[in-house]
């Protein structure tokens, strides 16, 4: 099997040597570029599995490279880890990287980070969108969730939210109507979900879980996630109330607030499923906000 490829874009040769060592040990084939314009030329000819990008580069800044990558259909899904010594610059980037590391970079921190990111490589090669709903696939959502969890470990941003929404009788409905009718219903339901959120949000559908997800990475106030969840619930409720099916269907919506104490995304998703169960059983108001401490105490 071919090794995954890491592109290191950094003009400090000592830092390059550190990064290369860590990535080589992790099983990556590494390529090194010391100049911004050379990096863009190389990206024009290859699609790396990950890019480690310094912001201060000769001839072309890392910020411009990041912008160009996000505007390029081929490159926009490539994970970018920005490395900089200037925290204020990192806080004002016009385009958000997947992760941020501040110099001086600790070798153990970088090694742990690279090992965790390796778990996302397989999912990055799978289709990014669900064919029926047009939303992101569950595997791609897990990739974004991995980066969100890493991001709050690396910066002052302390929490993000996972909004989850279900229509409780959807599995039964699927068995009662034709596949074509079900796909049409699900597509329109996904449109309602999409309309209530920002176009830039990571919205996903899991057909195995019969569950919609979205990441809420910007939480301006404690009340904001609940307002978003209420808006989503009302929109989905209006849609299912106008459908003429024998089943009485209900939308259950919640938000799990995630902090840096979560060890991995598997534990995050376990708590999402636990919160979903509590909503179904009527133990909390619908919609509700959950967090790790609340669910631990409840368990």
C-alpha atoms as a PDB file:
ATOM      1  CA  UNK A   1       0.000   0.000   0.000  1.00  0.00           C
ATOM      2  CA  UNK A   2       1.338   3.478  -0.879  1.00  0.00           C
ATOM      3  CA  UNK A   3       2.265   5.707   2.024  1.00  0.00           C
ATOM      4  CA  UNK A   4       0.143   8.796   2.674  1.00  0.00           C
ATOM      5  CA  UNK A   5       1.884  11.993   1.556  1.00  0.00           C
ATOM      6  CA  UNK A   6       2.566  14.969   3.823  1.00  0.00           C
ATOM      7  CA  UNK A   7       3.638  18.301   2.331  1.00  0.00           C
ATOM      8  CA  UNK A   8       5.688  20.451   4.723  1.00  0.00           C
ATOM      9  CA  UNK A   9       5.698  24.140   3.745  1.00  0.00           C
ATOM     10  CA  UNK A  10       8.181  25.820   6.086  1.00  0.00           C
ATOM     11  CA  UNK A  11      11.334  27.908   5.554  1.00  0.00           C
ATOM     12  CA  UNK A  12      13.033  27.142   8.879  1.00  0.00           C
ATOM     13  CA  UNK A  13      15.211  24.089   8.233  1.00  0.00           C
ATOM     14  CA  UNK A  14      15.425  23.110  11.908  1.00  0.00           C
ATOM     15  CA  UNK A  15      11.644  23.015  12.175  1.00  0.00           C
ATOM     16  CA  UNK A  16      11.451  21.128   8.881  1.00  0.00           C
ATOM     17  CA  UNK A  17      13.790  18.467  10.281  1.00  0.00           C
ATOM     18  CA  UNK A  18      11.556  18.077  13.356  1.00  0.00           C
ATOM     19  CA  UNK A  19       8.368  17.759  11.305  1.00  0.00           C
ATOM     20  CA  UNK A  20       9.958  15.357   8.865  1.00  0.00           C
ATOM     21  CA  UNK A  21      11.149  13.078  11.656  1.00  0.00           C
ATOM     22  CA  UNK A  22       7.705  12.913  13.264  1.00  0.00           C
ATOM     23  CA  UNK A  23       5.910  12.271   9.963  1.00  0.00           C
ATOM     24  CA  UNK A  24       8.436   9.676   8.802  1.00  0.00           C
ATOM     25  CA  UNK A  25       7.990   7.744  12.062  1.00  0.00           C
ATOM     26  CA  UNK A  26       4.205   7.928  11.614  1.00  0.00           C
ATOM     27  CA  UNK A  27       4.492   6.308   8.172  1.00  0.00           C
ATOM     28  CA  UNK A  28       4.128   9.313   5.872  1.00  0.00           C
ATOM     29  CA  UNK A  29       6.110  10.057   2.747  1.00  0.00           C
ATOM     30  CA  UNK A  30       7.184  13.674   3.267  1.00  0.00           C
ATOM     31  CA  UNK A  31       7.869  16.390   0.726  1.00  0.00           C
ATOM     32  CA  UNK A  32       9.403  19.703   1.744  1.00  0.00           C
ATOM     33  CA  UNK A  33       8.964  23.143   0.180  1.00  0.00           C
ATOM     34  CA  UNK A  34      10.730  26.209   1.605  1.00  0.00           C
ATOM     35  CA  UNK A  35       8.998  28.911  -0.461  1.00  0.00           C
ATOM     36  CA  UNK A  36       5.385  29.998  -0.834  1.00  0.00           C
ATOM     37  CA  UNK A  37       5.258  30.222  -4.633  1.00  0.00           C
ATOM     38  CA  UNK A  38       7.048  26.895  -4.982  1.00  0.00           C
ATOM     39  CA  UNK A  39       4.455  25.389  -2.624  1.00  0.00           C
ATOM     40  CA  UNK A  40       1.571  26.540  -4.844  1.00  0.00           C
ATOM     41  CA  UNK A  41       3.307  25.117  -7.901  1.00  0.00           C
ATOM     42  CA  UNK A  42       3.766  21.784  -6.126  1.00  0.00           C
ATOM     43  CA  UNK A  43       0.123  21.763  -5.006  1.00  0.00           C
ATOM     44  CA  UNK A  44      -0.836  22.276  -8.633  1.00  0.00           C
ATOM     45  CA  UNK A  45       0.724  18.924  -9.453  1.00  0.00           C
ATOM     46  CA  UNK A  46      -0.167  16.819  -6.388  1.00  0.00           C
ATOM     47  CA  UNK A  47      -2.904  16.213  -3.819  1.00  0.00           C
ATOM     48  CA  UNK A  48      -1.236  15.520  -0.466  1.00  0.00           C
ATOM     49  CA  UNK A  49      -2.975  13.774   2.411  1.00  0.00           C
ATOM     50  CA  UNK A  50      -2.017  16.559   4.813  1.00  0.00           C
ATOM     51  CA  UNK A  51      -0.232  19.932   4.651  1.00  0.00           C
ATOM     52  CA  UNK A  52       1.799  21.485   7.462  1.00  0.00           C
ATOM     53  CA  UNK A  53       1.869  25.173   6.610  1.00  0.00           C
ATOM     54  CA  UNK A  54       3.876  28.056   8.045  1.00  0.00           C
ATOM     55  CA  UNK A  55       2.256  31.487   7.674  1.00  0.00           C
ATOM     56  CA  UNK A  56       5.444  33.521   7.198  1.00  0.00           C
ATOM     57  CA  UNK A  57       7.014  32.369   3.915  1.00  0.00           C
ATOM     58  CA  UNK A  58       9.148  33.951   1.180  1.00  0.00           C
ATOM     59  CA  UNK A  59       7.379  35.194  -1.989  1.00  0.00           C
ATOM     60  CA  UNK A  60       3.868  34.052  -0.988  1.00  0.00           C
ATOM     61  CA  UNK A  61       2.294  33.919   2.464  1.00  0.00           C
ATOM     62  CA  UNK A  62       0.799  30.836   4.044  1.00  0.00           C
ATOM     63  CA  UNK A  63      -2.481  32.753   4.339  1.00  0.00           C
ATOM     64  CA  UNK A  64      -2.677  33.091   0.541  1.00  0.00           C
ATOM     65  CA  UNK A  65      -1.808  29.421   0.109  1.00  0.00           C
ATOM     66  CA  UNK A  66      -4.594  28.451   2.513  1.00  0.00           C
ATOM     67  CA  UNK A  67      -7.092  30.686   0.663  1.00  0.00           C
ATOM     68  CA  UNK A  68      -6.130  29.159  -2.688  1.00  0.00           C
ATOM     69  CA  UNK A  69      -6.470  25.632  -1.337  1.00  0.00           C
ATOM     70  CA  UNK A  70      -9.932  26.307   0.072  1.00  0.00           C
ATOM     71  CA  UNK A  71     -11.046  27.770  -3.273  1.00  0.00           C
ATOM     72  CA  UNK A  72      -9.770  24.763  -5.226  1.00  0.00           C
ATOM     73  CA  UNK A  73     -12.258  21.884  -5.614  1.00  0.00           C
ATOM     74  CA  UNK A  74      -9.426  19.347  -5.695  1.00  0.00           C
ATOM     75  CA  UNK A  75      -7.589  20.681  -2.651  1.00  0.00           C
ATOM     76  CA  UNK A  76     -10.278  22.090  -0.379  1.00  0.00           C
ATOM     77  CA  UNK A  77     -10.706  18.860   1.598  1.00  0.00           C
ATOM     78  CA  UNK A  78      -6.983  18.380   2.235  1.00  0.00           C
ATOM     79  CA  UNK A  79      -6.341  18.853   5.978  1.00  0.00           C
ATOM     80  CA  UNK A  80      -4.162  21.886   6.695  1.00  0.00           C
ATOM     81  CA  UNK A  81      -2.290  22.324   9.966  1.00  0.00           C
ATOM     82  CA  UNK A  82      -1.100  25.922  10.305  1.00  0.00           C
ATOM     83  CA  UNK A  83       2.069  26.477  12.302  1.00  0.00           C
ATOM     84  CA  UNK A  84       2.941  29.966  13.491  1.00  0.00           C
ATOM     85  CA  UNK A  85       4.757  31.790  16.275  1.00  0.00           C
ATOM     86  CA  UNK A  86       2.259  34.686  16.119  1.00  0.00           C
ATOM     87  CA  UNK A  87      -0.894  33.864  18.050  1.00  0.00           C
ATOM     88  CA  UNK A  88      -2.652  37.183  17.175  1.00  0.00           C
ATOM     89  CA  UNK A  89      -2.209  36.453  13.459  1.00  0.00           C
ATOM     90  CA  UNK A  90      -3.675  32.983  13.924  1.00  0.00           C
ATOM     91  CA  UNK A  91      -6.770  34.459  15.609  1.00  0.00           C
ATOM     92  CA  UNK A  92      -7.501  36.744  12.638  1.00  0.00           C
ATOM     93  CA  UNK A  93      -7.057  34.356   9.721  1.00  0.00           C
ATOM     94  CA  UNK A  94      -9.636  35.039   6.981  1.00  0.00           C
ATOM     95  CA  UNK A  95      -9.810  31.302   6.225  1.00  0.00           C
ATOM     96  CA  UNK A  96      -9.923  28.786   9.040  1.00  0.00           C
ATOM     97  CA  UNK A  97      -7.367  25.955   8.952  1.00  0.00           C
ATOM     98  CA  UNK A  98      -8.238  22.493  10.175  1.00  0.00           C
ATOM     99  CA  UNK A  99      -5.798  22.788  13.055  1.00  0.00           C
ATOM    100  CA  UNK A 100      -3.404  25.302  14.543  1.00  0.00           C
ATOM    101  CA  UNK A 101      -0.062  24.734  16.257  1.00  0.00           C
ATOM    102  CA  UNK A 102       1.876  27.543  17.925  1.00  0.00           C
ATOM    103  CA  UNK A 103       5.672  27.617  17.863  1.00  0.00           C
ATOM    104  CA  UNK A 104       7.725  26.377  19.558  1.00  0.00           C
ATOM    105  CA  UNK A 105       6.067  23.056  18.712  1.00  0.00           C
ATOM    106  CA  UNK A 106       6.506  20.281  21.249  1.00  0.00           C
ATOM    107  CA  UNK A 107       7.601  17.058  19.526  1.00  0.00           C
ATOM    108  CA  UNK A 108       5.388  14.853  21.720  1.00  0.00           C
ATOM    109  CA  UNK A 109       2.383  17.058  21.041  1.00  0.00           C
ATOM    110  CA  UNK A 110       3.014  16.896  17.312  1.00  0.00           C
ATOM    111  CA  UNK A 111       3.522  13.105  17.397  1.00  0.00           C
ATOM    112  CA  UNK A 112       0.227  12.566  19.229  1.00  0.00           C
ATOM    113  CA  UNK A 113      -1.549  14.894  16.830  1.00  0.00           C
ATOM    114  CA  UNK A 114      -0.253  13.111  13.726  1.00  0.00           C
ATOM    115  CA  UNK A 115      -1.208   9.712  15.115  1.00  0.00           C
ATOM    116  CA  UNK A 116      -4.772  10.844  15.799  1.00  0.00           C
ATOM    117  CA  UNK A 117      -5.107  12.407  12.354  1.00  0.00           C
ATOM    118  CA  UNK A 118      -4.061   9.160  10.706  1.00  0.00           C
ATOM    119  CA  UNK A 119      -7.410   7.677  11.696  1.00  0.00           C
ATOM    120  CA  UNK A 120      -9.137  10.103   9.314  1.00  0.00           C
ATOM    121  CA  UNK A 121      -7.195   9.195   6.185  1.00  0.00           C
ATOM    122  CA  UNK A 122      -9.454   6.342   5.061  1.00  0.00           C
ATOM    123  CA  UNK A 123     -12.585   8.449   5.440  1.00  0.00           C
ATOM    124  CA  UNK A 124     -11.063  11.257   3.392  1.00  0.00           C
ATOM    125  CA  UNK A 125     -10.929   8.895   0.406  1.00  0.00           C
ATOM    126  CA  UNK A 126     -14.620   7.990   0.686  1.00  0.00           C
ATOM    127  CA  UNK A 127     -17.437  10.040  -0.920  1.00  0.00           C
ATOM    128  CA  UNK A 128     -17.871  13.279   0.997  1.00  0.00           C
ATOM    129  CA  UNK A 129     -21.635  13.594   0.377  1.00  0.00           C
ATOM    130  CA  UNK A 130     -24.661  11.383   0.886  1.00  0.00           C
ATOM    131  CA  UNK A 131     -26.322  10.627  -2.451  1.00  0.00           C
ATOM    132  CA  UNK A 132     -29.915  11.045  -1.297  1.00  0.00           C
ATOM    133  CA  UNK A 133     -29.797  14.079   1.010  1.00  0.00           C
ATOM    134  CA  UNK A 134     -26.877  15.956  -0.550  1.00  0.00           C
ATOM    135  CA  UNK A 135     -25.525  16.548   2.966  1.00  0.00           C
ATOM    136  CA  UNK A 136     -22.070  15.436   4.049  1.00  0.00           C
ATOM    137  CA  UNK A 137     -21.640  11.721   4.679  1.00  0.00           C
ATOM    138  CA  UNK A 138     -21.286  10.356   8.206  1.00  0.00           C
ATOM    139  CA  UNK A 139     -17.667   9.334   7.549  1.00  0.00           C
ATOM    140  CA  UNK A 140     -16.764  12.844   6.410  1.00  0.00           C
ATOM    141  CA  UNK A 141     -18.559  14.307   9.445  1.00  0.00           C
ATOM    142  CA  UNK A 142     -16.337  12.153  11.649  1.00  0.00           C
ATOM    143  CA  UNK A 143     -13.283  13.644   9.945  1.00  0.00           C
ATOM    144  CA  UNK A 144     -14.490  17.169  10.676  1.00  0.00           C
ATOM    145  CA  UNK A 145     -15.355  16.131  14.231  1.00  0.00           C
ATOM    146  CA  UNK A 146     -11.804  14.832  14.723  1.00  0.00           C
ATOM    147  CA  UNK A 147     -10.388  18.183  13.641  1.00  0.00           C
ATOM    148  CA  UNK A 148     -12.834  20.114  15.840  1.00  0.00           C
ATOM    149  CA  UNK A 149     -11.771  18.097  18.866  1.00  0.00           C
ATOM    150  CA  UNK A 150      -8.115  18.669  18.068  1.00  0.00           C
ATOM    151  CA  UNK A 151      -8.709  22.378  17.521  1.00  0.00           C
ATOM    152  CA  UNK A 152     -10.041  22.985  21.023  1.00  0.00           C
ATOM    153  CA  UNK A 153      -6.997  21.202  22.404  1.00  0.00           C
ATOM    154  CA  UNK A 154      -4.666  23.510  20.485  1.00  0.00           C
ATOM    155  CA  UNK A 155      -6.244  26.915  21.067  1.00  0.00           C
ATOM    156  CA  UNK A 156      -8.140  29.036  23.544  1.00  0.00           C
ATOM    157  CA  UNK A 157     -11.435  27.997  21.951  1.00  0.00           C
ATOM    158  CA  UNK A 158     -12.898  25.824  24.686  1.00  0.00           C
ATOM    159  CA  UNK A 159     -16.064  24.248  23.326  1.00  0.00           C
ATOM    160  CA  UNK A 160     -17.942  23.333  20.200  1.00  0.00           C
ATOM    161  CA  UNK A 161     -21.370  21.814  19.776  1.00  0.00           C
ATOM    162  CA  UNK A 162     -22.831  18.853  17.913  1.00  0.00           C
ATOM    163  CA  UNK A 163     -26.446  19.404  16.991  1.00  0.00           C
ATOM    164  CA  UNK A 164     -28.284  16.145  16.358  1.00  0.00           C
ATOM    165  CA  UNK A 165     -31.824  15.767  15.043  1.00  0.00           C
ATOM    166  CA  UNK A 166     -34.067  12.793  14.327  1.00  0.00           C
ATOM    167  CA  UNK A 167     -37.604  12.074  13.221  1.00  0.00           C
ATOM    168  CA  UNK A 168     -38.543   9.297  15.587  1.00  0.00           C
ATOM    169  CA  UNK A 169     -40.708   7.156  13.264  1.00  0.00           C
ATOM    170  CA  UNK A 170     -38.462   7.398  10.220  1.00  0.00           C
ATOM    171  CA  UNK A 171     -37.327   3.717  10.264  1.00  0.00           C
ATOM    172  CA  UNK A 172     -40.976   2.579  10.327  1.00  0.00           C
ATOM    173  CA  UNK A 173     -41.875   4.965   7.532  1.00  0.00           C
ATOM    174  CA  UNK A 174     -39.081   3.531   5.422  1.00  0.00           C
ATOM    175  CA  UNK A 175     -40.662   0.083   5.715  1.00  0.00           C
ATOM    176  CA  UNK A 176     -44.143   1.336   4.830  1.00  0.00           C
ATOM    177  CA  UNK A 177     -43.495   3.220   1.594  1.00  0.00           C
ATOM    178  CA  UNK A 178     -41.499   2.625  -1.559  1.00  0.00           C
ATOM    179  CA  UNK A 179     -37.803   3.432  -1.736  1.00  0.00           C
ATOM    180  CA  UNK A 180     -38.514   6.216  -4.200  1.00  0.00           C
ATOM    181  CA  UNK A 181     -41.119   7.785  -1.887  1.00  0.00           C
ATOM    182  CA  UNK A 182     -38.812   7.440   1.100  1.00  0.00           C
ATOM    183  CA  UNK A 183     -35.880   9.034  -0.732  1.00  0.00           C
ATOM    184  CA  UNK A 184     -38.106  11.931  -1.786  1.00  0.00           C
ATOM    185  CA  UNK A 185     -39.336  12.426   1.785  1.00  0.00           C
ATOM    186  CA  UNK A 186     -35.797  12.264   3.182  1.00  0.00           C
ATOM    187  CA  UNK A 187     -34.467  14.680   0.570  1.00  0.00           C
ATOM    188  CA  UNK A 188     -37.132  17.266   1.437  1.00  0.00           C
ATOM    189  CA  UNK A 189     -36.562  16.712   5.163  1.00  0.00           C
ATOM    190  CA  UNK A 190     -32.840  17.329   4.632  1.00  0.00           C
ATOM    191  CA  UNK A 191     -33.702  20.551   2.782  1.00  0.00           C
ATOM    192  CA  UNK A 192     -35.603  21.736   5.868  1.00  0.00           C
ATOM    193  CA  UNK A 193     -32.618  20.889   8.038  1.00  0.00           C
ATOM    194  CA  UNK A 194     -30.268  22.725   5.693  1.00  0.00           C
ATOM    195  CA  UNK A 195     -32.451  25.842   5.407  1.00  0.00           C
ATOM    196  CA  UNK A 196     -32.274  26.552   9.148  1.00  0.00           C
ATOM    197  CA  UNK A 197     -28.474  26.450   9.355  1.00  0.00           C
ATOM    198  CA  UNK A 198     -25.594  28.374   7.798  1.00  0.00           C
ATOM    199  CA  UNK A 199     -24.372  27.179   4.393  1.00  0.00           C
ATOM    200  CA  UNK A 200     -20.837  26.930   5.777  1.00  0.00           C
ATOM    201  CA  UNK A 201     -21.830  24.560   8.612  1.00  0.00           C
ATOM    202  CA  UNK A 202     -20.799  20.904   8.403  1.00  0.00           C
ATOM    203  CA  UNK A 203     -24.229  19.292   7.999  1.00  0.00           C
ATOM    204  CA  UNK A 204     -24.382  15.515   7.664  1.00  0.00           C
ATOM    205  CA  UNK A 205     -26.782  12.577   7.469  1.00  0.00           C
ATOM    206  CA  UNK A 206     -26.191   9.072   8.826  1.00  0.00           C
ATOM    207  CA  UNK A 207     -28.476   6.520   7.184  1.00  0.00           C
ATOM    208  CA  UNK A 208     -27.385   3.863   9.699  1.00  0.00           C
ATOM    209  CA  UNK A 209     -28.377   6.013  12.668  1.00  0.00           C
ATOM    210  CA  UNK A 210     -31.333   7.796  10.991  1.00  0.00           C
ATOM    211  CA  UNK A 211     -29.806  10.983  12.363  1.00  0.00           C
ATOM    212  CA  UNK A 212     -28.885  14.453  11.127  1.00  0.00           C
ATOM    213  CA  UNK A 213     -25.776  16.165  12.510  1.00  0.00           C
ATOM    214  CA  UNK A 214     -24.131  19.544  12.311  1.00  0.00           C
ATOM    215  CA  UNK A 215     -21.101  21.084  13.995  1.00  0.00           C
ATOM    216  CA  UNK A 216     -21.622  24.365  15.839  1.00  0.00           C
ATOM    217  CA  UNK A 217     -18.067  25.682  16.038  1.00  0.00           C
ATOM    218  CA  UNK A 218     -18.871  29.302  16.816  1.00  0.00           C
ATOM    219  CA  UNK A 219     -20.852  29.633  20.065  1.00  0.00           C
ATOM    220  CA  UNK A 220     -21.220  33.380  20.733  1.00  0.00           C
ATOM    221  CA  UNK A 221     -23.319  32.924  23.897  1.00  0.00           C
ATOM    222  CA  UNK A 222     -24.610  30.082  26.117  1.00  0.00           C
ATOM    223  CA  UNK A 223     -28.115  30.646  24.743  1.00  0.00           C
ATOM    224  CA  UNK A 224     -27.116  30.391  21.075  1.00  0.00           C
ATOM    225  CA  UNK A 225     -27.058  26.555  20.730  1.00  0.00           C
ATOM    226  CA  UNK A 226     -30.535  26.249  22.241  1.00  0.00           C
ATOM    227  CA  UNK A 227     -31.896  28.903  19.866  1.00  0.00           C
ATOM    228  CA  UNK A 228     -30.405  27.039  16.897  1.00  0.00           C
ATOM    229  CA  UNK A 229     -31.832  23.726  18.134  1.00  0.00           C
ATOM    230  CA  UNK A 230     -35.289  25.284  18.612  1.00  0.00           C
ATOM    231  CA  UNK A 231     -35.201  26.708  15.106  1.00  0.00           C
ATOM    232  CA  UNK A 232     -34.253  23.328  13.643  1.00  0.00           C
ATOM    233  CA  UNK A 233     -36.969  21.526  15.601  1.00  0.00           C
ATOM    234  CA  UNK A 234     -39.683  24.011  14.555  1.00  0.00           C
ATOM    235  CA  UNK A 235     -38.674  23.763  10.901  1.00  0.00           C
ATOM    236  CA  UNK A 236     -38.674  19.959  10.890  1.00  0.00           C
ATOM    237  CA  UNK A 237     -41.952  19.857  12.823  1.00  0.00           C
ATOM    238  CA  UNK A 238     -43.683  22.096  10.280  1.00  0.00           C
ATOM    239  CA  UNK A 239     -42.503  19.825   7.514  1.00  0.00           C
ATOM    240  CA  UNK A 240     -43.618  16.505   9.051  1.00  0.00           C
ATOM    241  CA  UNK A 241     -46.946  17.977  10.225  1.00  0.00           C
ATOM    242  CA  UNK A 242     -47.802  18.669   6.573  1.00  0.00           C
ATOM    243  CA  UNK A 243     -47.041  15.093   5.453  1.00  0.00           C
ATOM    244  CA  UNK A 244     -50.026  12.732   5.251  1.00  0.00           C
ATOM    245  CA  UNK A 245     -48.616   9.552   6.749  1.00  0.00           C
ATOM    246  CA  UNK A 246     -50.384   7.245   9.199  1.00  0.00           C
ATOM    247  CA  UNK A 247     -47.515   7.470  11.657  1.00  0.00           C
ATOM    248  CA  UNK A 248     -47.413  10.242  14.240  1.00  0.00           C
ATOM    249  CA  UNK A 249     -43.920  11.581  13.744  1.00  0.00           C
ATOM    250  CA  UNK A 250     -41.946  13.841  16.044  1.00  0.00           C
ATOM    251  CA  UNK A 251     -38.651  15.700  15.700  1.00  0.00           C
ATOM    252  CA  UNK A 252     -36.189  15.281  18.570  1.00  0.00           C
ATOM    253  CA  UNK A 253     -33.342  17.796  18.615  1.00  0.00           C
ATOM    254  CA  UNK A 254     -30.442  18.247  21.012  1.00  0.00           C
ATOM    255  CA  UNK A 255     -26.976  19.757  21.219  1.00  0.00           C
ATOM    256  CA  UNK A 256     -23.992  18.131  22.900  1.00  0.00           C
ATOM    257  CA  UNK A 257     -21.406  20.677  24.052  1.00  0.00           C
ATOM    258  CA  UNK A 258     -17.919  19.193  23.729  1.00  0.00           C
ATOM    259  CA  UNK A 259     -14.824  20.220  25.666  1.00  0.00           C
ATOM    260  CA  UNK A 260     -11.173  19.207  25.480  1.00  0.00           C
ATOM    261  CA  UNK A 261     -11.665  16.504  28.131  1.00  0.00           C
ATOM    262  CA  UNK A 262     -13.066  14.158  25.493  1.00  0.00           C
ATOM    263  CA  UNK A 263     -10.322  11.668  24.640  1.00  0.00           C
ATOM    264  CA  UNK A 264     -11.593  10.819  21.152  1.00  0.00           C
ATOM    265  CA  UNK A 265     -14.586  11.162  18.854  1.00  0.00           C
ATOM    266  CA  UNK A 266     -15.857   7.699  19.766  1.00  0.00           C
ATOM    267  CA  UNK A 267     -16.603   8.961  23.281  1.00  0.00           C
ATOM    268  CA  UNK A 268     -18.202  12.083  21.838  1.00  0.00           C
ATOM    269  CA  UNK A 269     -20.506  10.022  19.612  1.00  0.00           C
ATOM    270  CA  UNK A 270     -21.307   7.703  22.508  1.00  0.00           C
ATOM    271  CA  UNK A 271     -22.567  10.719  24.465  1.00  0.00           C
ATOM    272  CA  UNK A 272     -24.579  11.907  21.454  1.00  0.00           C
ATOM    273  CA  UNK A 273     -26.338   8.531  21.412  1.00  0.00           C
ATOM    274  CA  UNK A 274     -26.917   8.713  25.177  1.00  0.00           C
ATOM    275  CA  UNK A 275     -28.398  12.205  24.898  1.00  0.00           C
ATOM    276  CA  UNK A 276     -30.580  11.033  22.017  1.00  0.00           C
ATOM    277  CA  UNK A 277     -31.915   8.184  24.197  1.00  0.00           C
ATOM    278  CA  UNK A 278     -32.748  10.561  27.045  1.00  0.00           C
ATOM    279  CA  UNK A 279     -34.651  12.829  24.642  1.00  0.00           C
ATOM    280  CA  UNK A 280     -36.627   9.881  23.271  1.00  0.00           C
ATOM    281  CA  UNK A 281     -37.538   8.772  26.789  1.00  0.00           C
ATOM    282  CA  UNK A 282     -38.760  12.265  27.681  1.00  0.00           C
ATOM    283  CA  UNK A 283     -36.212  12.708  30.473  1.00  0.00           C
ATOM    284  CA  UNK A 284     -35.272  16.159  29.152  1.00  0.00           C
ATOM    285  CA  UNK A 285     -37.185  18.884  27.381  1.00  0.00           C
ATOM    286  CA  UNK A 286     -37.091  18.836  23.584  1.00  0.00           C
ATOM    287  CA  UNK A 287     -34.832  20.488  22.486  1.00  0.00           C
ATOM    288  CA  UNK A 288     -32.144  20.322  25.182  1.00  0.00           C
ATOM    289  CA  UNK A 289     -28.472  21.117  25.646  1.00  0.00           C
ATOM    290  CA  UNK A 290     -26.221  18.382  27.056  1.00  0.00           C
ATOM    291  CA  UNK A 291     -22.600  18.246  28.130  1.00  0.00           C
ATOM    292  CA  UNK A 292     -20.120  15.627  29.279  1.00  0.00           C
ATOM    293  CA  UNK A 293     -20.498  16.332  33.008  1.00  0.00           C
ATOM    294  CA  UNK A 294     -24.301  16.239  32.830  1.00  0.00           C
ATOM    295  CA  UNK A 295     -24.317  12.869  31.074  1.00  0.00           C
ATOM    296  CA  UNK A 296     -21.676  11.412  33.401  1.00  0.00           C
ATOM    297  CA  UNK A 297     -23.715  12.428  36.433  1.00  0.00           C
ATOM    298  CA  UNK A 298     -26.905  11.057  34.885  1.00  0.00           C
ATOM    299  CA  UNK A 299     -25.229   7.720  34.108  1.00  0.00           C
END
